[in-house]
Amino acid sequence: MGSILTLIAAPGTALDPDIIARIRHMIGGSPEDTLSPGEAVAIGTPAAPDLAAVRAALENRPIDAVATPAASRRKRLLIADMDSTIVAEETLDELAAHAGLKEQIAAITRRSMNGEIDFATALRERVAMLKGLRLEALEATWRGIGITPGARELVATMRAHGAATALVSGGFTFFTSRVAERLGFEMHLANTLLDDGVALTGRVVEPIVDRDRKRGALVSLARAKRLDRSETLAVGDGANDLDMLREAGLGIAFHAKRIVTDAVPASILYADLRALLFIQGYRVSEFSGAG
């Protein structure tokens, strides 16, 4: 088979055998391969299916549909964005709450993630607004950050099967270092906030980790690992992830902004991060890191 269509149901939703049969008949697919009963199936097809037609046939059910080539399904490098991807929050917005500026800074974040303003310019502007914020606010922010469901299984399972894993963020090393340690990412890249030992100075170390540096990190890591582009997987949600997602062998827009879902064929709108494992053909019995 030339292509694989993976269907993944949102948490709390079950895949209906009738809808699976309907989709399989529509695309001329082979009998479904159950990856997780009631949650995820893979259907082989001779050619890439029409995803718009598949999604129309799903009739707004909370089920994701992703088509990938049958070859090289399991990737050997994972590069993941952090904010609103591996963690549930935008860490800069949460940090701004401790300065009483969350709504003001979150508005700039939204415009940046939607591609309306330059990322680096927006980051400098937001960080400058935090000048004088005491360093204790960083630790307090970290205590309120939640890991996205499925993130632990995604990283642990790919590492258990020999893949390299990297966290690449336009956020800050204070947070990426802690997320990387908690989840088992082998490496992380992010911006460094400057401080005077007591409070933030309102500046970051240059150059800023922007969309170009995210893409560059993927290219450099793939080269260092002697991997073909087809062996790489990237996931993110914002405009600053677009170049990285396009560069990867498989780029996945995860609960992403419209500018990203319009540009990237593979989108997860409903499921959690375990979907990235199902898309690679992993069965739930192969997952590591649960709990």
Protein backbone atom coordinates (compact mmCIF):
# COMPACT_ATOMS: atom_id res chain seq x y z
CA MET A 1 0.00 0.00 0.00
CA GLY A 2 1.24 3.48 -0.85
CA SER A 3 -0.44 5.46 1.92
CA ILE A 4 -1.82 5.04 5.42
CA LEU A 5 -4.88 6.84 6.74
CA THR A 6 -4.93 6.97 10.55
CA LEU A 7 -8.14 7.78 12.38
CA ILE A 8 -7.85 8.81 16.04
CA ALA A 9 -10.79 9.60 18.30
CA ALA A 10 -10.74 12.37 20.87
CA PRO A 11 -10.56 11.33 24.54
CA GLY A 12 -13.99 10.26 25.69
CA THR A 13 -15.07 9.42 22.14
CA ALA A 14 -15.18 5.93 20.62
CA LEU A 15 -14.50 5.09 17.00
CA ASP A 16 -17.73 3.72 15.56
CA PRO A 17 -17.16 0.54 13.47
CA ASP A 18 -19.74 1.83 10.99
CA ILE A 19 -17.86 5.06 10.36
CA ILE A 20 -14.60 3.14 9.98
CA ALA A 21 -16.25 0.88 7.40
CA ARG A 22 -17.70 3.87 5.57
CA ILE A 23 -14.34 5.64 5.37
CA ARG A 24 -12.55 2.45 4.33
CA HIS A 25 -15.05 1.84 1.53
CA MET A 26 -14.86 5.47 0.39
CA ILE A 27 -11.07 5.44 0.00
CA GLY A 28 -10.80 1.88 -1.31
CA GLY A 29 -8.73 0.88 1.69
CA SER A 30 -7.59 -2.42 3.09
CA PRO A 31 -9.11 -3.91 6.28
CA GLU A 32 -8.34 -1.63 9.20
CA ASP A 33 -5.47 -2.31 11.56
CA THR A 34 -6.62 -1.60 15.12
CA LEU A 35 -3.94 0.32 17.00
CA SER A 36 -6.04 0.95 20.10
CA PRO A 37 -9.55 -0.54 20.38
CA GLY A 38 -12.17 2.16 19.97
CA GLU A 39 -9.49 4.84 19.76
CA ALA A 40 -7.24 4.50 16.72
CA VAL A 41 -7.09 2.53 13.48
CA ALA A 42 -4.86 2.58 10.42
CA ILE A 43 -6.17 1.91 6.90
CA GLY A 44 -3.86 1.20 3.98
CA THR A 45 -4.67 2.75 0.60
CA PRO A 46 -3.08 2.54 -2.86
CA ALA A 47 -2.77 6.32 -3.04
CA ALA A 48 -3.08 9.28 -0.72
CA PRO A 49 -6.75 9.76 0.21
CA ASP A 50 -8.66 13.00 -0.23
CA LEU A 51 -8.55 14.29 3.33
CA ALA A 52 -11.20 16.93 2.71
CA ALA A 53 -13.59 14.18 1.61
CA VAL A 54 -12.64 12.02 4.60
CA ARG A 55 -13.27 14.87 7.03
CA ALA A 56 -16.59 15.63 5.37
CA ALA A 57 -17.60 11.98 5.77
CA LEU A 58 -16.75 12.18 9.48
CA GLU A 59 -19.55 14.75 9.79
CA ASN A 60 -17.94 16.89 12.50
CA ARG A 61 -17.26 13.94 14.78
CA PRO A 62 -14.28 14.61 17.09
CA ILE A 63 -12.05 12.26 15.12
CA ASP A 64 -8.73 13.22 13.56
CA ALA A 65 -7.72 11.90 10.14
CA VAL A 66 -4.07 11.99 9.04
CA ALA A 67 -2.62 10.53 5.84
CA THR A 68 1.06 9.57 5.61
CA PRO A 69 3.20 7.56 3.19
CA ALA A 70 3.36 3.89 4.12
CA ALA A 71 7.16 3.97 3.95
CA SER A 72 9.24 5.33 6.85
CA ARG A 73 6.28 5.61 9.22
CA ARG A 74 8.35 5.40 12.37
CA LYS A 75 10.52 8.46 12.77
CA ARG A 76 14.00 8.60 14.28
CA LEU A 77 13.97 12.24 15.36
CA LEU A 78 11.26 14.15 17.23
CA ILE A 79 11.47 17.93 17.50
CA ALA A 80 8.69 19.50 19.54
CA ASP A 81 7.57 23.01 20.32
CA MET A 82 6.88 23.56 24.04
CA ASP A 83 4.21 26.19 24.74
CA SER A 84 0.66 25.05 23.94
CA THR A 85 2.15 21.83 22.57
CA ILE A 86 4.17 19.83 25.09
CA VAL A 87 2.85 21.98 27.93
CA ALA A 88 -0.72 23.24 28.08
CA GLU A 89 0.07 26.90 28.70
CA GLU A 90 1.95 29.78 27.09
CA THR A 91 4.65 30.13 29.75
CA LEU A 92 5.40 33.80 28.99
CA ASP A 93 1.74 34.71 29.43
CA GLU A 94 1.64 32.84 32.74
CA LEU A 95 4.82 34.59 33.89
CA ALA A 96 3.27 37.93 32.96
CA ALA A 97 0.41 37.21 35.35
CA HIS A 98 2.85 37.75 38.22
CA ALA A 99 3.44 41.28 36.94
CA GLY A 100 -0.29 41.94 36.49
CA LEU A 101 0.20 42.01 32.72
CA LYS A 102 -1.21 38.67 31.57
CA GLU A 103 -4.01 39.96 29.34
CA GLN A 104 -1.85 42.66 27.77
CA ILE A 105 1.00 40.29 27.00
CA ALA A 106 -1.29 37.41 25.96
CA ALA A 107 -2.82 39.69 23.31
CA ILE A 108 0.64 40.19 21.79
CA THR A 109 1.31 36.45 22.04
CA ARG A 110 -1.88 35.66 20.11
CA ARG A 111 -0.97 38.05 17.32
CA SER A 112 2.54 36.57 17.12
CA MET A 113 1.31 32.96 17.08
CA ASN A 114 -1.23 33.87 14.40
CA GLY A 115 1.56 35.28 12.22
CA GLU A 116 0.28 38.86 12.42
CA ILE A 117 3.51 40.30 13.83
CA ASP A 118 7.17 39.29 13.73
CA PHE A 119 7.99 36.76 16.46
CA ALA A 120 11.36 38.19 17.52
CA THR A 121 9.99 41.73 17.71
CA ALA A 122 7.02 40.54 19.74
CA LEU A 123 9.23 38.58 22.12
CA ARG A 124 11.50 41.56 22.80
CA GLU A 125 8.46 43.75 23.42
CA ARG A 126 6.87 41.32 25.85
CA VAL A 127 10.09 40.64 27.77
CA ALA A 128 10.79 44.37 28.08
CA MET A 129 7.41 44.75 29.81
CA LEU A 130 8.60 42.33 32.51
CA LYS A 131 11.63 44.41 33.53
CA GLY A 132 11.92 44.40 37.32
CA LEU A 133 9.87 41.25 37.87
CA ARG A 134 11.51 39.34 40.69
CA LEU A 135 13.03 35.96 39.91
CA GLU A 136 10.75 34.19 42.37
CA ALA A 137 8.00 34.63 39.79
CA LEU A 138 9.72 32.13 37.47
CA GLU A 139 9.54 29.33 40.01
CA ALA A 140 5.97 30.24 40.92
CA THR A 141 5.03 30.11 37.24
CA TRP A 142 6.68 26.72 36.79
CA ARG A 143 4.61 25.25 39.61
CA GLY A 144 1.44 26.07 37.66
CA ILE A 145 2.49 24.62 34.31
CA GLY A 146 0.69 21.48 33.15
CA ILE A 147 2.05 18.78 30.85
CA THR A 148 -0.15 18.09 27.82
CA PRO A 149 -1.80 14.63 27.94
CA GLY A 150 0.17 12.13 25.90
CA ALA A 151 3.45 14.06 26.01
CA ARG A 152 5.11 11.66 28.43
CA GLU A 153 4.13 8.61 26.34
CA LEU A 154 5.22 10.31 23.11
CA VAL A 155 8.74 11.06 24.30
CA ALA A 156 9.26 7.82 26.26
CA THR A 157 7.98 5.58 23.47
CA MET A 158 10.03 7.18 20.73
CA ARG A 159 13.16 7.07 22.89
CA ALA A 160 12.49 3.43 23.76
CA HIS A 161 12.50 2.67 20.03
CA GLY A 162 15.76 4.51 19.36
CA ALA A 163 14.58 7.95 18.28
CA ALA A 164 16.31 11.18 19.31
CA THR A 165 14.12 13.80 21.01
CA ALA A 166 14.52 17.57 21.23
CA LEU A 167 12.47 20.40 22.70
CA VAL A 168 12.85 23.56 20.60
CA SER A 169 11.02 26.61 21.88
CA GLY A 170 10.63 30.32 21.37
CA GLY A 171 10.11 30.40 25.14
CA PHE A 172 12.78 30.30 27.82
CA THR A 173 15.45 27.90 28.99
CA PHE A 174 14.19 28.25 32.57
CA PHE A 175 11.14 26.26 31.48
CA THR A 176 12.54 24.06 28.69
CA SER A 177 15.24 22.70 30.99
CA ARG A 178 12.62 21.62 33.50
CA VAL A 179 10.23 20.18 30.91
CA ALA A 180 13.07 18.32 29.22
CA GLU A 181 14.16 16.81 32.53
CA ARG A 182 10.63 15.85 33.55
CA LEU A 183 9.72 14.19 30.24
CA GLY A 184 13.07 12.82 29.14
CA PHE A 185 13.91 15.00 26.14
CA GLU A 186 17.59 14.51 25.36
CA MET A 187 18.19 18.14 24.43
CA HIS A 188 16.47 21.52 24.50
CA LEU A 189 16.90 24.90 22.80
CA ALA A 190 15.20 28.14 23.86
CA ASN A 191 15.80 31.77 24.71
CA THR A 192 17.64 32.86 27.85
CA LEU A 193 16.16 35.59 30.04
CA LEU A 194 18.68 38.05 31.47
CA ASP A 195 18.56 39.08 35.13
CA ASP A 196 20.60 41.04 37.65
CA GLY A 197 20.50 38.33 40.28
CA VAL A 198 17.29 39.67 41.81
CA ALA A 199 14.93 40.55 38.96
CA LEU A 200 14.55 40.36 35.20
CA THR A 201 16.32 43.06 33.20
CA GLY A 202 13.74 43.06 30.40
CA ARG A 203 16.13 41.57 27.87
CA VAL A 204 17.00 38.17 26.38
CA VAL A 205 20.22 36.76 25.00
CA GLU A 206 20.50 37.30 21.25
CA PRO A 207 20.00 35.81 18.73
CA ILE A 208 16.42 34.89 19.51
CA VAL A 209 15.16 31.38 18.83
CA ASP A 210 12.67 32.23 16.08
CA ARG A 211 11.11 30.24 13.23
CA ASP A 212 14.37 30.18 11.27
CA ARG A 213 16.40 28.85 14.22
CA LYS A 214 13.74 26.22 14.91
CA ARG A 215 14.03 24.98 11.34
CA GLY A 216 17.82 25.16 11.60
CA ALA A 217 17.76 23.03 14.74
CA LEU A 218 15.88 20.30 12.90
CA VAL A 219 18.28 20.39 9.95
CA SER A 220 21.35 20.37 12.20
CA LEU A 221 20.13 17.52 14.40
CA ALA A 222 19.12 15.41 11.42
CA ARG A 223 22.55 15.96 9.88
CA ALA A 224 24.31 15.12 13.16
CA LYS A 225 22.29 11.91 13.47
CA ARG A 226 22.81 11.12 9.76
CA LEU A 227 19.08 10.98 9.20
CA ASP A 228 17.17 11.53 6.01
CA ARG A 229 14.53 14.25 6.12
CA SER A 230 11.85 11.55 5.79
CA GLU A 231 12.93 10.17 9.18
CA THR A 232 12.09 13.36 11.09
CA LEU A 233 8.93 14.41 12.94
CA ALA A 234 8.10 17.92 14.15
CA VAL A 235 5.08 19.16 16.09
CA GLY A 236 3.93 22.66 16.97
CA ASP A 237 1.02 25.05 17.04
CA GLY A 238 2.10 28.58 16.09
CA ALA A 239 3.32 30.59 13.13
CA ASN A 240 6.89 30.43 14.42
CA ASP A 241 6.74 26.63 14.01
CA LEU A 242 5.79 26.68 10.34
CA ASP A 243 9.27 26.45 8.80
CA MET A 244 10.18 23.59 11.14
CA LEU A 245 6.96 21.73 10.34
CA ARG A 246 7.45 22.14 6.61
CA GLU A 247 11.06 20.98 6.81
CA ALA A 248 10.26 17.76 8.68
CA GLY A 249 9.47 14.52 6.96
CA LEU A 250 6.23 14.66 8.94
CA GLY A 251 5.12 18.00 10.34
CA ILE A 252 2.07 17.94 12.59
CA ALA A 253 -0.03 20.94 13.56
CA PHE A 254 -1.24 20.18 17.09
CA HIS A 255 -4.38 22.04 18.20
CA ALA A 256 -2.83 24.78 16.13
CA LYS A 257 -3.62 28.29 14.94
CA ARG A 258 -5.48 28.63 11.63
CA ILE A 259 -2.37 29.87 9.80
CA VAL A 260 -0.68 26.57 10.69
CA THR A 261 -3.53 24.15 9.96
CA ASP A 262 -4.04 25.85 6.58
CA ALA A 263 -0.37 25.30 5.69
CA VAL A 264 0.35 21.84 7.12
CA PRO A 265 -1.50 18.76 5.76
CA ALA A 266 -1.27 16.73 9.00
CA SER A 267 -3.35 18.28 11.79
CA ILE A 268 -4.50 17.01 15.17
CA LEU A 269 -7.58 18.95 16.25
CA TYR A 270 -9.16 16.64 18.84
CA ALA A 271 -6.83 13.90 20.13
CA ASP A 272 -3.95 14.29 22.56
CA LEU A 273 -0.25 13.79 21.82
CA ARG A 274 -0.61 9.99 21.76
CA ALA A 275 -1.96 10.60 18.26
CA LEU A 276 1.61 11.17 17.05
CA LEU A 277 2.44 7.60 18.04
CA PHE A 278 -0.61 6.13 16.34
CA ILE A 279 0.26 8.02 13.17
CA GLN A 280 3.66 6.30 13.22
CA GLY A 281 2.00 2.90 13.53
CA TYR A 282 2.64 2.29 17.23
CA ARG A 283 0.07 0.14 19.00
CA VAL A 284 -1.09 1.20 22.44
CA SER A 285 0.53 -1.98 23.81
CA GLU A 286 3.91 -0.58 22.72
CA PHE A 287 3.57 2.71 24.59
CA SER A 288 6.06 3.59 27.32
CA GLY A 289 5.94 6.23 30.03
CA ALA A 290 2.26 6.10 30.98
CA GLY A 291 1.29 7.55 34.33
